Amino acid sequence: MKSKRSQHAIGQPRFDGTAIALEAALRRLELDTAISALLSDALTRVVNGTYGNCQRCSESIAPERLRALPWARLCVGCQEAVDQAEASE
C-alpha cells in the first residue's frame, strides 16, 4: 500500500494528494446523495399534486424560487422564519 506521506528533501513530511482527493470525493458523494433525496421528495410532491405549495402556510412558492431550488418545500417567508428560529436556538 502506498504511503500517504513521503519525505520532503529536508526531512519534512509531505502529503500527496491522495487523502485530499479521497476526502473531496466523499464530500461530493454525500452532497449528491442529499440532493438526490431532496429531488426524490420533490417528485413525490409532483405525483401527489402538492409540488409548489409551501408545506408550512400552504401558499404557492414563487416560480423563481422553484427554478433556483426545485426541491424547495417552503416559501421564502416561511423559510426565513424557520432559519431565524433555528438561529436563535
N, C-alpha and C. Protein backbone atom coordinates (compact mmCIF):
# COMPACT_ATOMS: atom_id res chain seq x y z
N MET A 1 0.84 -1.18 0.00
CA MET A 1 0.00 0.00 0.00
C MET A 1 0.89 1.24 0.00
N LYS A 2 0.56 2.18 -0.82
CA LYS A 2 1.35 3.40 -0.94
C LYS A 2 1.11 4.29 0.27
N SER A 3 2.17 4.82 0.82
CA SER A 3 2.08 5.71 1.97
C SER A 3 1.45 7.03 1.55
N LYS A 4 0.69 7.61 2.47
CA LYS A 4 0.08 8.90 2.19
C LYS A 4 1.07 10.04 2.38
N ARG A 5 2.24 9.72 2.95
CA ARG A 5 3.25 10.74 3.15
C ARG A 5 4.56 10.28 2.51
N SER A 6 5.27 11.24 2.02
CA SER A 6 6.62 10.98 1.56
C SER A 6 7.52 12.00 2.23
N GLN A 7 8.78 11.70 2.32
CA GLN A 7 9.71 12.61 2.99
C GLN A 7 10.16 13.70 2.02
N HIS A 8 10.01 14.92 2.45
CA HIS A 8 10.50 16.07 1.71
C HIS A 8 12.02 16.06 1.78
N ALA A 9 12.66 16.70 0.88
CA ALA A 9 14.13 16.69 0.79
C ALA A 9 14.80 17.10 2.10
N ILE A 10 14.20 17.98 2.86
CA ILE A 10 14.84 18.41 4.11
C ILE A 10 14.28 17.68 5.33
N GLY A 11 13.63 16.55 5.11
CA GLY A 11 13.15 15.73 6.22
C GLY A 11 11.74 16.06 6.69
N GLN A 12 11.11 17.02 6.08
CA GLN A 12 9.74 17.38 6.45
C GLN A 12 8.77 16.45 5.74
N PRO A 13 7.72 15.96 6.45
CA PRO A 13 6.75 15.11 5.75
C PRO A 13 5.99 15.93 4.71
N ARG A 14 5.72 15.32 3.58
CA ARG A 14 4.96 15.97 2.52
C ARG A 14 3.79 15.05 2.17
N PHE A 15 2.60 15.56 2.23
CA PHE A 15 1.41 14.77 1.92
C PHE A 15 1.17 14.79 0.43
N ASP A 16 0.88 13.61 -0.12
CA ASP A 16 0.49 13.60 -1.52
C ASP A 16 -1.00 13.94 -1.60
N GLY A 17 -1.54 14.05 -2.76
CA GLY A 17 -2.93 14.47 -2.93
C GLY A 17 -3.95 13.38 -2.72
N THR A 18 -3.53 12.16 -2.42
CA THR A 18 -4.47 11.04 -2.32
C THR A 18 -5.51 11.25 -1.24
N ALA A 19 -5.07 11.59 -0.04
CA ALA A 19 -6.00 11.77 1.08
C ALA A 19 -6.95 12.93 0.82
N ILE A 20 -6.43 14.00 0.27
CA ILE A 20 -7.27 15.18 -0.02
C ILE A 20 -8.28 14.85 -1.11
N ALA A 21 -7.85 14.16 -2.14
CA ALA A 21 -8.76 13.79 -3.23
C ALA A 21 -9.85 12.84 -2.73
N LEU A 22 -9.49 11.92 -1.86
CA LEU A 22 -10.47 10.99 -1.31
C LEU A 22 -11.50 11.73 -0.46
N GLU A 23 -11.04 12.65 0.36
CA GLU A 23 -11.95 13.43 1.20
C GLU A 23 -12.90 14.26 0.33
N ALA A 24 -12.39 14.86 -0.73
CA ALA A 24 -13.22 15.65 -1.63
C ALA A 24 -14.26 14.76 -2.32
N ALA A 25 -13.86 13.57 -2.73
CA ALA A 25 -14.79 12.65 -3.39
C ALA A 25 -15.89 12.20 -2.43
N LEU A 26 -15.53 11.95 -1.18
CA LEU A 26 -16.53 11.55 -0.19
C LEU A 26 -17.52 12.67 0.10
N ARG A 27 -17.01 13.88 0.20
CA ARG A 27 -17.91 15.03 0.43
C ARG A 27 -18.85 15.23 -0.76
N ARG A 28 -18.34 15.05 -1.96
CA ARG A 28 -19.17 15.20 -3.16
C ARG A 28 -20.25 14.12 -3.20
N LEU A 29 -19.90 12.90 -2.82
CA LEU A 29 -20.86 11.81 -2.77
C LEU A 29 -21.96 12.10 -1.75
N GLU A 30 -21.59 12.62 -0.59
CA GLU A 30 -22.58 12.99 0.42
C GLU A 30 -23.52 14.07 -0.10
N LEU A 31 -22.98 15.07 -0.77
CA LEU A 31 -23.79 16.15 -1.34
C LEU A 31 -24.73 15.61 -2.42
N ASP A 32 -24.20 14.79 -3.31
CA ASP A 32 -25.03 14.20 -4.37
C ASP A 32 -26.16 13.36 -3.79
N THR A 33 -25.87 12.61 -2.74
CA THR A 33 -26.89 11.77 -2.09
C THR A 33 -27.98 12.64 -1.47
N ALA A 34 -27.58 13.71 -0.82
CA ALA A 34 -28.55 14.62 -0.19
C ALA A 34 -29.43 15.28 -1.25
N ILE A 35 -28.84 15.75 -2.34
CA ILE A 35 -29.63 16.39 -3.40
C ILE A 35 -30.56 15.38 -4.06
N SER A 36 -30.10 14.16 -4.25
CA SER A 36 -30.95 13.11 -4.82
C SER A 36 -32.18 12.87 -3.95
N ALA A 37 -31.99 12.85 -2.64
CA ALA A 37 -33.12 12.65 -1.72
C ALA A 37 -34.10 13.82 -1.79
N LEU A 38 -33.56 15.04 -1.87
CA LEU A 38 -34.42 16.22 -1.99
C LEU A 38 -35.23 16.20 -3.29
N LEU A 39 -34.59 15.81 -4.38
CA LEU A 39 -35.29 15.73 -5.66
C LEU A 39 -36.33 14.62 -5.67
N SER A 40 -36.03 13.50 -5.05
CA SER A 40 -36.99 12.41 -4.95
C SER A 40 -38.22 12.86 -4.17
N ASP A 41 -38.00 13.60 -3.09
CA ASP A 41 -39.11 14.14 -2.30
C ASP A 41 -39.94 15.11 -3.15
N ALA A 42 -39.27 15.94 -3.95
CA ALA A 42 -39.99 16.89 -4.82
C ALA A 42 -40.82 16.15 -5.85
N LEU A 43 -40.27 15.08 -6.42
CA LEU A 43 -41.04 14.30 -7.40
C LEU A 43 -42.26 13.64 -6.76
N THR A 44 -42.14 13.22 -5.52
CA THR A 44 -43.28 12.66 -4.80
C THR A 44 -44.37 13.73 -4.65
N ARG A 45 -43.96 14.97 -4.37
CA ARG A 45 -44.94 16.05 -4.25
C ARG A 45 -45.60 16.35 -5.59
N VAL A 46 -44.84 16.20 -6.70
CA VAL A 46 -45.43 16.38 -8.03
C VAL A 46 -46.53 15.34 -8.23
N VAL A 47 -46.22 14.09 -7.93
CA VAL A 47 -47.20 12.99 -8.10
C VAL A 47 -48.42 13.22 -7.21
N ASN A 48 -48.19 13.71 -6.00
CA ASN A 48 -49.29 13.94 -5.06
C ASN A 48 -50.06 15.23 -5.33
N GLY A 49 -49.56 16.05 -6.26
CA GLY A 49 -50.23 17.31 -6.58
C GLY A 49 -49.97 18.42 -5.58
N THR A 50 -48.93 18.29 -4.76
CA THR A 50 -48.64 19.32 -3.77
C THR A 50 -47.36 20.09 -4.08
N TYR A 51 -46.70 19.77 -5.20
CA TYR A 51 -45.46 20.47 -5.56
C TYR A 51 -45.77 21.94 -5.81
N GLY A 52 -44.93 22.81 -5.26
CA GLY A 52 -45.10 24.25 -5.46
C GLY A 52 -45.92 24.90 -4.38
N ASN A 53 -46.45 24.12 -3.45
CA ASN A 53 -47.19 24.68 -2.32
C ASN A 53 -46.31 24.59 -1.08
N CYS A 54 -46.28 25.67 -0.32
CA CYS A 54 -45.49 25.72 0.91
C CYS A 54 -46.06 24.71 1.91
N GLN A 55 -45.21 23.90 2.49
CA GLN A 55 -45.66 22.89 3.44
C GLN A 55 -45.96 23.48 4.81
N ARG A 56 -45.68 24.76 4.99
CA ARG A 56 -45.95 25.39 6.28
C ARG A 56 -47.22 26.25 6.24
N CYS A 57 -47.35 27.08 5.19
CA CYS A 57 -48.50 28.00 5.12
C CYS A 57 -49.48 27.66 4.01
N SER A 58 -49.12 26.70 3.15
CA SER A 58 -49.94 26.23 2.01
C SER A 58 -50.06 27.23 0.87
N GLU A 59 -49.39 28.36 0.95
CA GLU A 59 -49.38 29.32 -0.15
C GLU A 59 -48.47 28.80 -1.26
N SER A 60 -48.62 29.37 -2.45
CA SER A 60 -47.76 28.97 -3.57
C SER A 60 -46.34 29.47 -3.36
N ILE A 61 -45.39 28.63 -3.72
CA ILE A 61 -43.98 29.02 -3.69
C ILE A 61 -43.70 29.74 -5.00
N ALA A 62 -42.99 30.86 -4.92
CA ALA A 62 -42.70 31.67 -6.11
C ALA A 62 -41.98 30.83 -7.17
N PRO A 63 -42.41 30.95 -8.44
CA PRO A 63 -41.75 30.20 -9.51
C PRO A 63 -40.24 30.44 -9.59
N GLU A 64 -39.82 31.67 -9.27
CA GLU A 64 -38.39 31.97 -9.29
C GLU A 64 -37.64 31.12 -8.27
N ARG A 65 -38.25 30.93 -7.10
CA ARG A 65 -37.63 30.10 -6.06
C ARG A 65 -37.56 28.65 -6.52
N LEU A 66 -38.62 28.16 -7.13
CA LEU A 66 -38.63 26.78 -7.60
C LEU A 66 -37.63 26.55 -8.73
N ARG A 67 -37.41 27.59 -9.57
CA ARG A 67 -36.39 27.45 -10.61
C ARG A 67 -35.01 27.37 -9.99
N ALA A 68 -34.78 28.14 -8.93
CA ALA A 68 -33.47 28.15 -8.27
C ALA A 68 -33.27 26.91 -7.40
N LEU A 69 -34.33 26.50 -6.69
CA LEU A 69 -34.29 25.34 -5.79
C LEU A 69 -35.50 24.46 -6.06
N PRO A 70 -35.43 23.59 -7.05
CA PRO A 70 -36.60 22.78 -7.42
C PRO A 70 -37.12 21.91 -6.28
N TRP A 71 -36.32 21.69 -5.27
CA TRP A 71 -36.74 20.85 -4.14
C TRP A 71 -37.30 21.67 -2.97
N ALA A 72 -37.45 23.00 -3.15
CA ALA A 72 -37.93 23.86 -2.07
C ALA A 72 -39.28 23.36 -1.55
N ARG A 73 -39.39 23.28 -0.24
CA ARG A 73 -40.64 22.85 0.40
C ARG A 73 -41.36 24.01 1.06
N LEU A 74 -40.64 25.12 1.24
CA LEU A 74 -41.21 26.28 1.92
C LEU A 74 -41.07 27.52 1.05
N CYS A 75 -42.04 28.44 1.19
CA CYS A 75 -41.93 29.73 0.52
C CYS A 75 -40.82 30.52 1.20
N VAL A 76 -40.41 31.62 0.60
CA VAL A 76 -39.31 32.41 1.14
C VAL A 76 -39.63 32.89 2.56
N GLY A 77 -40.82 33.40 2.76
CA GLY A 77 -41.20 33.92 4.08
C GLY A 77 -41.13 32.85 5.17
N CYS A 78 -41.67 31.68 4.88
CA CYS A 78 -41.64 30.61 5.87
C CYS A 78 -40.23 30.08 6.08
N GLN A 79 -39.44 30.00 5.02
CA GLN A 79 -38.05 29.55 5.16
C GLN A 79 -37.26 30.52 6.02
N GLU A 80 -37.48 31.82 5.82
CA GLU A 80 -36.79 32.82 6.64
C GLU A 80 -37.19 32.69 8.10
N ALA A 81 -38.47 32.45 8.37
CA ALA A 81 -38.94 32.27 9.74
C ALA A 81 -38.30 31.05 10.39
N VAL A 82 -38.21 29.96 9.64
CA VAL A 82 -37.59 28.73 10.15
C VAL A 82 -36.10 28.98 10.42
N ASP A 83 -35.42 29.65 9.49
CA ASP A 83 -34.00 29.93 9.65
C ASP A 83 -33.74 30.80 10.88
N GLN A 84 -34.59 31.81 11.09
CA GLN A 84 -34.43 32.68 12.26
C GLN A 84 -34.67 31.92 13.55
N ALA A 85 -35.68 31.06 13.56
CA ALA A 85 -35.98 30.27 14.76
C ALA A 85 -34.82 29.33 15.09
N GLU A 86 -34.26 28.71 14.06
CA GLU A 86 -33.12 27.79 14.27
C GLU A 86 -31.89 28.56 14.75
N ALA A 87 -31.69 29.79 14.24
CA ALA A 87 -30.53 30.57 14.62
C ALA A 87 -30.62 31.04 16.08
N SER A 88 -31.84 31.22 16.58
CA SER A 88 -32.00 31.69 17.96
C SER A 88 -31.95 30.57 18.98
N GLU A 89 -31.93 29.32 18.52
CA GLU A 89 -31.88 28.19 19.45
C GLU A 89 -30.52 27.99 20.02
